[in-house]
């Protein structure tokens, strides 16, 4: 606990700066430790010149694999998966982020079931009632995610340089049929 006494304005201000630094988890240095570029770069050394790989912006997605079965208008669609298959996590572009790294981030951030590759056997059937005057569509696949990926170099002024972006299709150990309806 810091006690403030009357007549010690300079000490009180210094104690306030130290306390703010301790509470904020930031080491407060001398004014010469701040970048002199005139921007809001912050203390020197906060952003080192290092490569950063990032996976973000996850969205749930069914990654269909194999044929799409269609039936209707109305009625019931019943399908049986007759072939074994697999879906593999992929990263598009020349980002420099591997599928294995994307899966590791996804496991930590959105789903413990994220996997580099998901495979399935041949035994699985599915039935769904189709709305009147609609067509039912069914496809088997992995219930996973899509995500944005990036790789960039951080500069001493905390800005990003040489940024490359792409997308990832991340597989999941959860799998099954996806059903949707269309008008034609």
N, C-alpha and C. Protein backbone atom coordinates (compact mmCIF):
# COMPACT_ATOMS: atom_id res chain seq x y z
N UNK A 1 0.85 -1.18 0.00
CA UNK A 1 0.00 0.00 0.00
C UNK A 1 0.88 1.23 0.00
N UNK A 2 0.52 2.22 -0.81
CA UNK A 2 1.28 3.48 -0.87
C UNK A 2 0.47 4.54 -0.14
N UNK A 3 1.15 5.22 0.80
CA UNK A 3 0.48 6.29 1.54
C UNK A 3 0.90 7.61 0.96
N UNK A 4 -0.05 8.51 0.84
CA UNK A 4 0.23 9.83 0.29
C UNK A 4 0.20 10.82 1.45
N UNK A 5 1.28 11.62 1.55
CA UNK A 5 1.37 12.61 2.60
C UNK A 5 1.31 14.00 1.99
N UNK A 6 0.77 14.94 2.73
CA UNK A 6 0.69 16.32 2.26
C UNK A 6 2.10 16.88 2.12
N UNK A 7 2.25 17.78 1.12
CA UNK A 7 3.53 18.44 0.94
C UNK A 7 4.51 17.63 0.12
N UNK A 8 4.10 16.52 -0.46
CA UNK A 8 5.00 15.68 -1.25
C UNK A 8 4.39 15.43 -2.64
N UNK A 9 4.06 16.47 -3.33
CA UNK A 9 3.39 16.34 -4.62
C UNK A 9 4.26 15.59 -5.63
N UNK A 10 5.58 15.88 -5.64
CA UNK A 10 6.45 15.21 -6.60
C UNK A 10 6.53 13.72 -6.30
N UNK A 11 6.66 13.35 -5.05
CA UNK A 11 6.72 11.94 -4.67
C UNK A 11 5.40 11.25 -4.97
N UNK A 12 4.31 11.95 -4.73
CA UNK A 12 2.98 11.38 -5.00
C UNK A 12 2.83 11.10 -6.48
N UNK A 13 3.24 12.01 -7.34
CA UNK A 13 3.13 11.81 -8.78
C UNK A 13 4.00 10.64 -9.21
N UNK A 14 5.20 10.56 -8.69
CA UNK A 14 6.09 9.44 -9.03
C UNK A 14 5.51 8.13 -8.54
N UNK A 15 4.94 8.13 -7.33
CA UNK A 15 4.33 6.91 -6.80
C UNK A 15 3.14 6.50 -7.66
N UNK A 16 2.37 7.49 -8.14
CA UNK A 16 1.23 7.19 -9.01
C UNK A 16 1.67 6.55 -10.31
N UNK A 17 2.76 7.05 -10.90
CA UNK A 17 3.27 6.48 -12.15
C UNK A 17 3.75 5.06 -11.92
N UNK A 18 4.47 4.85 -10.82
CA UNK A 18 4.96 3.51 -10.51
C UNK A 18 3.79 2.57 -10.25
N UNK A 19 2.80 3.02 -9.48
CA UNK A 19 1.63 2.20 -9.19
C UNK A 19 0.87 1.87 -10.47
N UNK A 20 0.68 2.85 -11.34
CA UNK A 20 -0.03 2.61 -12.60
C UNK A 20 0.73 1.59 -13.44
N UNK A 21 2.05 1.71 -13.44
CA UNK A 21 2.86 0.75 -14.19
C UNK A 21 2.75 -0.65 -13.62
N UNK A 22 2.75 -0.77 -12.30
CA UNK A 22 2.64 -2.08 -11.67
C UNK A 22 1.27 -2.69 -11.89
N UNK A 23 0.22 -1.89 -11.76
CA UNK A 23 -1.13 -2.41 -11.95
C UNK A 23 -1.38 -2.77 -13.40
N UNK A 24 -0.80 -2.04 -14.33
CA UNK A 24 -1.00 -2.31 -15.75
C UNK A 24 -0.09 -3.39 -16.27
N UNK A 25 0.83 -3.86 -15.47
CA UNK A 25 1.75 -4.90 -15.91
C UNK A 25 2.79 -4.39 -16.87
N UNK A 26 3.02 -3.08 -16.88
CA UNK A 26 3.97 -2.48 -17.81
C UNK A 26 5.12 -1.90 -17.00
N UNK A 27 6.31 -2.14 -17.46
CA UNK A 27 7.48 -1.55 -16.83
C UNK A 27 7.62 -0.13 -17.34
N UNK A 28 7.52 0.84 -16.45
CA UNK A 28 7.61 2.23 -16.86
C UNK A 28 9.06 2.66 -16.78
N UNK A 29 9.57 3.14 -17.88
CA UNK A 29 10.97 3.55 -17.93
C UNK A 29 11.10 5.05 -18.01
N UNK A 30 12.31 5.49 -18.21
CA UNK A 30 12.58 6.91 -18.35
C UNK A 30 12.00 7.41 -19.66
N UNK A 31 11.74 8.71 -19.78
CA UNK A 31 11.17 9.25 -21.01
C UNK A 31 12.02 8.93 -22.24
N UNK A 32 13.31 8.74 -22.10
CA UNK A 32 14.16 8.44 -23.26
C UNK A 32 13.89 7.04 -23.81
N UNK A 33 13.14 6.19 -23.10
CA UNK A 33 12.85 4.84 -23.58
C UNK A 33 11.67 4.81 -24.53
N UNK A 34 11.01 5.94 -24.76
CA UNK A 34 9.87 5.99 -25.67
C UNK A 34 10.39 6.31 -27.07
N UNK A 35 9.81 5.66 -28.08
CA UNK A 35 10.25 5.89 -29.46
C UNK A 35 10.07 7.35 -29.82
N UNK A 36 11.00 7.87 -30.61
CA UNK A 36 10.97 9.28 -30.95
C UNK A 36 10.39 9.53 -32.33
N UNK A 37 9.65 8.60 -32.87
CA UNK A 37 9.10 8.77 -34.21
C UNK A 37 7.87 9.67 -34.21
N UNK A 38 7.35 10.00 -33.03
CA UNK A 38 6.20 10.87 -32.94
C UNK A 38 4.87 10.12 -33.01
N UNK A 39 4.90 8.80 -33.24
CA UNK A 39 3.64 8.05 -33.28
C UNK A 39 3.41 7.36 -31.94
N UNK A 40 2.39 6.59 -31.85
CA UNK A 40 2.04 5.90 -30.61
C UNK A 40 2.71 4.54 -30.55
N UNK A 41 3.98 4.48 -30.76
CA UNK A 41 4.67 3.20 -30.83
C UNK A 41 4.87 2.57 -29.47
N UNK A 42 4.91 3.34 -28.43
CA UNK A 42 5.09 2.77 -27.10
C UNK A 42 6.56 2.63 -26.76
N UNK A 43 6.85 1.97 -25.64
CA UNK A 43 8.24 1.82 -25.20
C UNK A 43 9.05 0.98 -26.20
N UNK A 44 10.29 1.35 -26.37
CA UNK A 44 11.17 0.57 -27.24
C UNK A 44 11.34 -0.83 -26.67
N UNK A 45 11.47 -1.81 -27.55
CA UNK A 45 11.65 -3.18 -27.10
C UNK A 45 10.33 -3.93 -26.94
N UNK A 46 9.20 -3.20 -26.96
CA UNK A 46 7.92 -3.87 -26.84
C UNK A 46 7.62 -4.69 -28.09
N UNK A 47 8.01 -4.19 -29.25
CA UNK A 47 7.82 -4.89 -30.52
C UNK A 47 9.19 -5.17 -31.12
N UNK A 48 9.59 -6.39 -31.04
CA UNK A 48 10.87 -6.77 -31.62
C UNK A 48 10.67 -7.15 -33.07
N UNK A 49 11.73 -7.24 -33.81
CA UNK A 49 11.68 -7.62 -35.22
C UNK A 49 11.62 -9.14 -35.29
N UNK A 50 10.38 -9.68 -35.22
CA UNK A 50 10.17 -11.13 -35.25
C UNK A 50 9.03 -11.48 -36.20
N UNK A 51 9.03 -12.71 -36.70
CA UNK A 51 7.94 -13.20 -37.54
C UNK A 51 6.84 -13.74 -36.64
N UNK A 52 5.61 -13.39 -36.95
CA UNK A 52 4.44 -13.83 -36.18
C UNK A 52 3.50 -14.58 -37.12
N UNK A 53 3.02 -15.74 -36.66
CA UNK A 53 2.01 -16.51 -37.40
C UNK A 53 0.74 -16.47 -36.57
N UNK A 54 -0.39 -16.22 -37.24
CA UNK A 54 -1.64 -16.03 -36.53
C UNK A 54 -2.78 -16.72 -37.27
N UNK A 55 -3.67 -17.38 -36.54
CA UNK A 55 -4.89 -17.98 -37.08
C UNK A 55 -6.04 -17.35 -36.31
N UNK A 56 -7.04 -16.81 -37.01
CA UNK A 56 -8.11 -16.07 -36.35
C UNK A 56 -9.38 -16.09 -37.20
N UNK A 57 -10.46 -15.56 -36.68
CA UNK A 57 -11.71 -15.43 -37.43
C UNK A 57 -12.36 -16.76 -37.75
N UNK A 58 -12.41 -17.64 -36.77
CA UNK A 58 -12.99 -18.97 -36.98
C UNK A 58 -14.49 -18.91 -37.25
N UNK A 59 -14.94 -19.74 -38.21
CA UNK A 59 -16.37 -19.89 -38.48
C UNK A 59 -16.64 -21.38 -38.63
N UNK A 60 -17.70 -21.86 -37.98
CA UNK A 60 -18.08 -23.27 -38.10
C UNK A 60 -18.45 -23.56 -39.54
N UNK A 61 -18.03 -24.73 -40.02
CA UNK A 61 -18.25 -25.06 -41.43
C UNK A 61 -18.27 -26.58 -41.60
N UNK A 62 -19.19 -27.06 -42.42
CA UNK A 62 -19.20 -28.47 -42.81
C UNK A 62 -18.38 -28.57 -44.09
N UNK A 63 -17.30 -29.35 -44.05
CA UNK A 63 -16.45 -29.56 -45.22
C UNK A 63 -16.91 -30.84 -45.90
N UNK A 64 -17.79 -30.69 -46.90
CA UNK A 64 -18.33 -31.84 -47.59
C UNK A 64 -17.29 -32.53 -48.46
N UNK A 65 -17.41 -33.83 -48.55
CA UNK A 65 -16.49 -34.63 -49.36
C UNK A 65 -17.31 -35.70 -50.07
N UNK A 66 -17.16 -35.80 -51.36
CA UNK A 66 -17.89 -36.82 -52.11
C UNK A 66 -19.16 -36.27 -52.72
N UNK A 67 -20.02 -37.18 -53.19
CA UNK A 67 -21.22 -36.75 -53.92
C UNK A 67 -22.24 -36.03 -53.06
N UNK A 68 -23.01 -35.16 -53.73
CA UNK A 68 -24.16 -34.51 -53.11
C UNK A 68 -25.39 -35.26 -53.60
N UNK A 69 -26.17 -35.78 -52.67
CA UNK A 69 -27.39 -36.50 -53.02
C UNK A 69 -28.55 -35.52 -52.98
N UNK A 70 -29.45 -35.61 -53.99
CA UNK A 70 -30.56 -34.68 -54.09
C UNK A 70 -31.83 -35.47 -54.38
N UNK A 71 -32.94 -35.07 -53.73
CA UNK A 71 -34.22 -35.72 -53.95
C UNK A 71 -35.32 -34.71 -53.69
N UNK A 72 -36.51 -34.95 -54.27
CA UNK A 72 -37.64 -34.07 -54.01
C UNK A 72 -38.50 -33.94 -55.24
N UNK A 73 -39.36 -33.19 -55.28
CA UNK A 73 -39.99 -32.18 -54.46
C UNK A 73 -40.73 -32.86 -53.32
N UNK A 74 -40.51 -32.38 -52.14
CA UNK A 74 -41.15 -32.95 -50.97
C UNK A 74 -40.75 -34.39 -50.74
N UNK A 75 -41.39 -35.02 -49.77
CA UNK A 75 -41.12 -36.41 -49.47
C UNK A 75 -40.04 -36.58 -48.42
N UNK A 76 -39.29 -37.67 -48.56
CA UNK A 76 -38.21 -37.98 -47.63
C UNK A 76 -36.98 -38.40 -48.42
N UNK A 77 -35.82 -37.92 -48.00
CA UNK A 77 -34.57 -38.35 -48.62
C UNK A 77 -33.88 -39.32 -47.66
N UNK A 78 -33.46 -40.46 -48.18
CA UNK A 78 -32.73 -41.45 -47.39
C UNK A 78 -31.48 -41.82 -48.16
N UNK A 79 -30.33 -41.68 -47.54
CA UNK A 79 -29.06 -41.98 -48.21
C UNK A 79 -28.22 -42.88 -47.32
N UNK A 80 -27.33 -43.61 -47.96
CA UNK A 80 -26.36 -44.42 -47.23
C UNK A 80 -24.99 -44.16 -47.84
N UNK A 81 -24.07 -43.82 -46.98
CA UNK A 81 -22.69 -43.59 -47.43
C UNK A 81 -22.11 -44.93 -47.82
N UNK A 82 -21.63 -45.04 -49.06
CA UNK A 82 -21.14 -46.33 -49.53
C UNK A 82 -19.63 -46.37 -49.72
N UNK A 83 -18.98 -45.21 -49.58
CA UNK A 83 -17.53 -45.17 -49.75
C UNK A 83 -16.84 -44.60 -48.52
N UNK A 84 -15.68 -45.13 -48.22
CA UNK A 84 -14.85 -44.56 -47.17
C UNK A 84 -14.24 -43.26 -47.73
N UNK A 85 -13.84 -42.36 -46.86
CA UNK A 85 -13.25 -41.11 -47.32
C UNK A 85 -12.47 -40.42 -46.23
N UNK A 86 -11.95 -39.26 -46.59
CA UNK A 86 -11.20 -38.47 -45.61
C UNK A 86 -11.22 -37.01 -46.02
N UNK A 87 -11.02 -36.14 -45.04
CA UNK A 87 -10.87 -34.72 -45.28
C UNK A 87 -9.63 -34.26 -44.55
N UNK A 88 -8.80 -33.50 -45.23
CA UNK A 88 -7.53 -33.05 -44.65
C UNK A 88 -7.52 -31.53 -44.51
N UNK A 89 -7.05 -31.03 -43.38
CA UNK A 89 -6.91 -29.60 -43.15
C UNK A 89 -5.99 -29.02 -44.21
N UNK A 90 -6.36 -27.85 -44.74
CA UNK A 90 -5.53 -27.21 -45.76
C UNK A 90 -5.42 -25.72 -45.50
N UNK A 91 -4.32 -25.14 -45.97
CA UNK A 91 -4.09 -23.70 -45.86
C UNK A 91 -3.81 -23.20 -47.27
N UNK A 92 -4.56 -22.19 -47.71
CA UNK A 92 -4.37 -21.65 -49.05
C UNK A 92 -3.34 -20.53 -49.05
N UNK A 93 -2.74 -20.32 -50.22
CA UNK A 93 -1.78 -19.24 -50.37
C UNK A 93 -0.39 -19.62 -49.91
N UNK A 94 0.52 -18.69 -50.04
CA UNK A 94 1.91 -18.89 -49.63
C UNK A 94 2.17 -18.13 -48.35
N UNK A 95 1.36 -18.44 -47.35
CA UNK A 95 1.40 -17.70 -46.09
C UNK A 95 2.55 -18.13 -45.20
N UNK A 96 2.93 -19.39 -45.26
CA UNK A 96 3.98 -19.90 -44.38
C UNK A 96 3.43 -20.46 -43.09
N UNK A 97 2.11 -20.64 -42.99
CA UNK A 97 1.49 -21.27 -41.84
C UNK A 97 1.10 -22.68 -42.28
N UNK A 98 1.58 -23.70 -41.59
CA UNK A 98 1.31 -25.08 -41.97
C UNK A 98 -0.06 -25.52 -41.45
N UNK A 99 -0.57 -26.59 -42.03
CA UNK A 99 -1.84 -27.16 -41.56
C UNK A 99 -1.70 -27.60 -40.11
N UNK A 100 -0.55 -28.16 -39.77
CA UNK A 100 -0.32 -28.62 -38.40
C UNK A 100 -0.39 -27.45 -37.40
N UNK A 101 0.19 -26.31 -37.77
CA UNK A 101 0.16 -25.12 -36.90
C UNK A 101 -1.27 -24.58 -36.78
N UNK A 102 -2.02 -24.57 -37.89
CA UNK A 102 -3.40 -24.09 -37.87
C UNK A 102 -4.26 -24.97 -36.96
N UNK A 103 -4.03 -26.29 -37.01
CA UNK A 103 -4.78 -27.23 -36.16
C UNK A 103 -4.43 -27.01 -34.70
N UNK A 104 -3.16 -26.80 -34.39
CA UNK A 104 -2.74 -26.58 -33.00
C UNK A 104 -3.42 -25.34 -32.43
N UNK A 105 -3.49 -24.25 -33.22
CA UNK A 105 -4.16 -23.03 -32.76
C UNK A 105 -5.66 -23.28 -32.57
N UNK A 106 -6.27 -23.99 -33.54
CA UNK A 106 -7.71 -24.27 -33.45
C UNK A 106 -8.04 -25.12 -32.24
N UNK A 107 -7.18 -26.10 -31.92
CA UNK A 107 -7.40 -26.93 -30.73
C UNK A 107 -7.40 -26.07 -29.47
N UNK A 108 -6.51 -25.11 -29.41
CA UNK A 108 -6.40 -24.25 -28.23
C UNK A 108 -7.52 -23.22 -28.16
N UNK A 109 -8.02 -22.77 -29.32
CA UNK A 109 -8.94 -21.64 -29.32
C UNK A 109 -10.42 -21.99 -29.54
N UNK A 110 -10.73 -23.02 -30.36
CA UNK A 110 -12.15 -23.26 -30.66
C UNK A 110 -12.63 -24.69 -30.51
N UNK A 111 -11.78 -25.69 -30.75
CA UNK A 111 -12.28 -27.06 -30.71
C UNK A 111 -11.16 -28.06 -30.43
N UNK A 112 -11.33 -28.82 -29.37
CA UNK A 112 -10.35 -29.85 -29.03
C UNK A 112 -10.36 -30.97 -30.07
N UNK A 113 -11.41 -31.05 -30.88
CA UNK A 113 -11.53 -32.09 -31.90
C UNK A 113 -10.86 -31.76 -33.22
N UNK A 114 -10.24 -30.57 -33.32
CA UNK A 114 -9.56 -30.20 -34.57
C UNK A 114 -8.49 -31.23 -34.90
N UNK A 115 -8.37 -31.54 -36.20
CA UNK A 115 -7.43 -32.59 -36.61
C UNK A 115 -6.83 -32.25 -37.96
N UNK A 116 -5.61 -32.73 -38.19
CA UNK A 116 -4.96 -32.53 -39.48
C UNK A 116 -5.71 -33.32 -40.55
N UNK A 117 -6.17 -34.53 -40.21
CA UNK A 117 -6.89 -35.37 -41.16
C UNK A 117 -7.98 -36.14 -40.43
N UNK A 118 -9.16 -36.21 -41.06
CA UNK A 118 -10.28 -36.98 -40.53
C UNK A 118 -10.66 -38.01 -41.58
N UNK A 119 -10.82 -39.25 -41.16
CA UNK A 119 -11.23 -40.28 -42.12
C UNK A 119 -12.45 -41.01 -41.58
N UNK A 120 -13.21 -41.63 -42.48
CA UNK A 120 -14.42 -42.34 -42.09
C UNK A 120 -14.57 -43.63 -42.88
N UNK A 121 -15.38 -44.53 -42.31
CA UNK A 121 -15.62 -45.82 -42.97
C UNK A 121 -16.89 -45.75 -43.81
N UNK A 122 -17.38 -46.88 -44.28
CA UNK A 122 -18.49 -46.89 -45.23
C UNK A 122 -19.86 -47.02 -44.63
N UNK A 123 -20.00 -47.32 -43.38
CA UNK A 123 -21.32 -47.63 -42.79
C UNK A 123 -21.95 -46.41 -42.11
N UNK A 124 -22.88 -45.77 -42.80
CA UNK A 124 -23.64 -44.69 -42.17
C UNK A 124 -24.82 -44.35 -43.06
N UNK A 125 -26.03 -44.34 -42.51
CA UNK A 125 -27.21 -43.97 -43.29
C UNK A 125 -27.89 -42.77 -42.64
N UNK A 126 -28.71 -42.09 -43.43
CA UNK A 126 -29.32 -40.84 -42.99
C UNK A 126 -30.66 -40.66 -43.68
N UNK A 127 -31.65 -40.14 -42.97
CA UNK A 127 -32.97 -39.90 -43.53
C UNK A 127 -33.47 -38.55 -43.03
N UNK A 128 -34.14 -37.78 -43.90
CA UNK A 128 -34.66 -36.47 -43.51
C UNK A 128 -35.90 -36.16 -44.33
N UNK A 129 -36.91 -35.61 -43.68
CA UNK A 129 -38.14 -35.20 -44.36
C UNK A 129 -37.86 -33.91 -45.13
N UNK A 130 -38.35 -33.86 -46.38
CA UNK A 130 -38.15 -32.69 -47.23
C UNK A 130 -39.41 -31.83 -47.19
N UNK A 131 -39.25 -30.53 -47.04
CA UNK A 131 -40.40 -29.62 -47.03
C UNK A 131 -41.14 -29.68 -48.37
N UNK A 132 -42.43 -29.39 -48.32
CA UNK A 132 -43.27 -29.43 -49.52
C UNK A 132 -42.71 -28.48 -50.58
N UNK A 133 -42.67 -28.94 -51.82
CA UNK A 133 -42.20 -28.18 -52.99
C UNK A 133 -40.72 -27.80 -52.91
N UNK A 134 -39.94 -28.46 -52.10
CA UNK A 134 -38.50 -28.20 -51.99
C UNK A 134 -37.72 -29.46 -52.36
N UNK A 135 -36.45 -29.27 -52.63
CA UNK A 135 -35.54 -30.39 -52.88
C UNK A 135 -34.59 -30.52 -51.70
N UNK A 136 -34.39 -31.74 -51.26
CA UNK A 136 -33.47 -32.01 -50.15
C UNK A 136 -32.09 -32.38 -50.70
N UNK A 137 -31.05 -31.83 -50.10
CA UNK A 137 -29.67 -32.10 -50.50
C UNK A 137 -28.90 -32.61 -49.30
N UNK A 138 -28.06 -33.62 -49.52
CA UNK A 138 -27.30 -34.23 -48.43
C UNK A 138 -25.88 -34.51 -48.91
N UNK A 139 -24.91 -34.22 -48.04
CA UNK A 139 -23.51 -34.55 -48.32
C UNK A 139 -22.81 -34.93 -47.03
N UNK A 140 -21.91 -35.90 -47.11
CA UNK A 140 -21.15 -36.34 -45.94
C UNK A 140 -19.86 -35.54 -45.85
N UNK A 141 -19.35 -35.36 -44.65
CA UNK A 141 -18.08 -34.65 -44.49
C UNK A 141 -17.71 -34.42 -43.04
N UNK A 142 -16.77 -33.53 -42.83
CA UNK A 142 -16.24 -33.20 -41.51
C UNK A 142 -16.83 -31.88 -41.04
N UNK A 143 -17.29 -31.85 -39.77
CA UNK A 143 -17.78 -30.61 -39.18
C UNK A 143 -16.58 -29.89 -38.57
N UNK A 144 -16.08 -28.90 -39.28
CA UNK A 144 -14.88 -28.20 -38.82
C UNK A 144 -15.06 -26.70 -38.82
N UNK A 145 -14.02 -26.00 -39.27
CA UNK A 145 -14.02 -24.54 -39.28
C UNK A 145 -13.29 -24.01 -40.51
N UNK A 146 -13.59 -22.78 -40.85
CA UNK A 146 -12.74 -22.02 -41.75
C UNK A 146 -12.11 -20.93 -40.89
N UNK A 147 -10.97 -20.43 -41.31
CA UNK A 147 -10.29 -19.39 -40.53
C UNK A 147 -9.39 -18.57 -41.46
N UNK A 148 -9.04 -17.40 -41.00
CA UNK A 148 -8.06 -16.56 -41.70
C UNK A 148 -6.69 -16.88 -41.09
N UNK A 149 -5.67 -16.85 -41.92
CA UNK A 149 -4.30 -17.07 -41.45
C UNK A 149 -3.44 -15.91 -41.95
N UNK A 150 -2.44 -15.58 -41.16
CA UNK A 150 -1.53 -14.53 -41.58
C UNK A 150 -0.14 -14.78 -41.02
N UNK A 151 0.83 -14.23 -41.72
CA UNK A 151 2.22 -14.24 -41.25
C UNK A 151 2.76 -12.84 -41.54
N UNK A 152 3.40 -12.24 -40.55
CA UNK A 152 3.94 -10.90 -40.74
C UNK A 152 5.17 -10.69 -39.87
N UNK A 153 5.93 -9.66 -40.23
CA UNK A 153 7.12 -9.28 -39.49
C UNK A 153 6.76 -8.06 -38.65
N UNK A 154 7.01 -8.13 -37.34
CA UNK A 154 6.76 -6.96 -36.50
C UNK A 154 8.00 -6.08 -36.52
N UNK A 155 7.77 -4.80 -36.60
CA UNK A 155 8.86 -3.83 -36.63
C UNK A 155 9.00 -3.16 -35.27
N UNK A 156 10.12 -2.52 -34.99
CA UNK A 156 10.30 -1.86 -33.68
C UNK A 156 9.23 -0.81 -33.36
N UNK A 157 8.58 -0.25 -34.39
CA UNK A 157 7.51 0.72 -34.14
C UNK A 157 6.15 0.04 -33.99
N UNK A 158 6.14 -1.29 -33.85
CA UNK A 158 4.95 -2.12 -33.64
C UNK A 158 4.05 -2.24 -34.86
N UNK A 159 4.52 -1.83 -36.01
CA UNK A 159 3.73 -1.99 -37.23
C UNK A 159 4.07 -3.32 -37.89
N UNK A 160 3.14 -3.79 -38.74
CA UNK A 160 3.34 -5.06 -39.45
C UNK A 160 3.99 -4.79 -40.81
N UNK A 161 4.90 -5.66 -41.19
CA UNK A 161 5.56 -5.54 -42.48
C UNK A 161 5.57 -6.91 -43.15
N UNK A 162 5.62 -6.92 -44.47
CA UNK A 162 5.69 -8.16 -45.25
C UNK A 162 4.55 -9.11 -44.88
N UNK A 163 3.36 -8.56 -44.70
CA UNK A 163 2.20 -9.35 -44.27
C UNK A 163 1.66 -10.18 -45.43
N UNK A 164 1.44 -11.45 -45.15
CA UNK A 164 0.84 -12.37 -46.11
C UNK A 164 -0.38 -13.00 -45.44
N UNK A 165 -1.49 -13.12 -46.20
CA UNK A 165 -2.70 -13.70 -45.63
C UNK A 165 -3.22 -14.84 -46.49
N UNK A 166 -4.06 -15.65 -45.90
CA UNK A 166 -4.68 -16.76 -46.61
C UNK A 166 -5.85 -17.28 -45.80
N UNK A 167 -6.37 -18.43 -46.20
CA UNK A 167 -7.47 -19.05 -45.48
C UNK A 167 -7.13 -20.49 -45.16
N UNK A 168 -7.77 -21.00 -44.14
CA UNK A 168 -7.57 -22.40 -43.74
C UNK A 168 -8.92 -23.09 -43.66
N UNK A 169 -8.97 -24.33 -44.11
CA UNK A 169 -10.11 -25.21 -43.92
C UNK A 169 -9.66 -26.24 -42.90
N UNK A 170 -10.21 -26.17 -41.69
CA UNK A 170 -9.74 -27.00 -40.59
C UNK A 170 -10.70 -28.15 -40.35
N UNK A 171 -10.16 -29.35 -40.40
CA UNK A 171 -10.94 -30.56 -40.18
C UNK A 171 -11.25 -30.75 -38.71
N UNK A 172 -12.24 -31.60 -38.43
CA UNK A 172 -12.59 -31.91 -37.05
C UNK A 172 -12.94 -33.39 -36.97
N UNK A 173 -12.72 -33.99 -35.83
CA UNK A 173 -13.04 -35.40 -35.66
C UNK A 173 -14.55 -35.65 -35.72
N UNK A 174 -15.37 -34.61 -35.56
CA UNK A 174 -16.83 -34.74 -35.69
C UNK A 174 -17.17 -34.77 -37.17
N UNK A 175 -17.96 -35.74 -37.56
CA UNK A 175 -18.30 -35.90 -38.96
C UNK A 175 -19.73 -36.37 -39.10
N UNK A 176 -20.29 -36.21 -40.28
CA UNK A 176 -21.65 -36.65 -40.53
C UNK A 176 -22.24 -36.00 -41.76
N UNK A 177 -23.53 -36.24 -41.98
CA UNK A 177 -24.23 -35.68 -43.12
C UNK A 177 -24.68 -34.25 -42.83
N UNK A 178 -24.65 -33.42 -43.85
CA UNK A 178 -25.21 -32.07 -43.79
C UNK A 178 -26.42 -32.04 -44.73
N UNK A 179 -27.52 -31.49 -44.27
CA UNK A 179 -28.76 -31.41 -45.04
C UNK A 179 -29.11 -29.96 -45.30
N UNK A 180 -29.53 -29.65 -46.52
CA UNK A 180 -30.05 -28.32 -46.84
C UNK A 180 -31.08 -28.46 -47.95
N UNK A 181 -31.93 -27.43 -48.06
CA UNK A 181 -32.99 -27.46 -49.05
C UNK A 181 -32.81 -26.36 -50.09
N UNK A 182 -33.26 -26.67 -51.32
CA UNK A 182 -33.22 -25.71 -52.42
C UNK A 182 -34.57 -25.71 -53.13
N UNK A 183 -34.82 -24.66 -53.94
CA UNK A 183 -36.08 -24.56 -54.68
C UNK A 183 -36.03 -25.32 -56.01
N UNK A 184 -34.83 -25.60 -56.50
CA UNK A 184 -34.75 -26.33 -57.78
C UNK A 184 -33.67 -27.39 -57.72
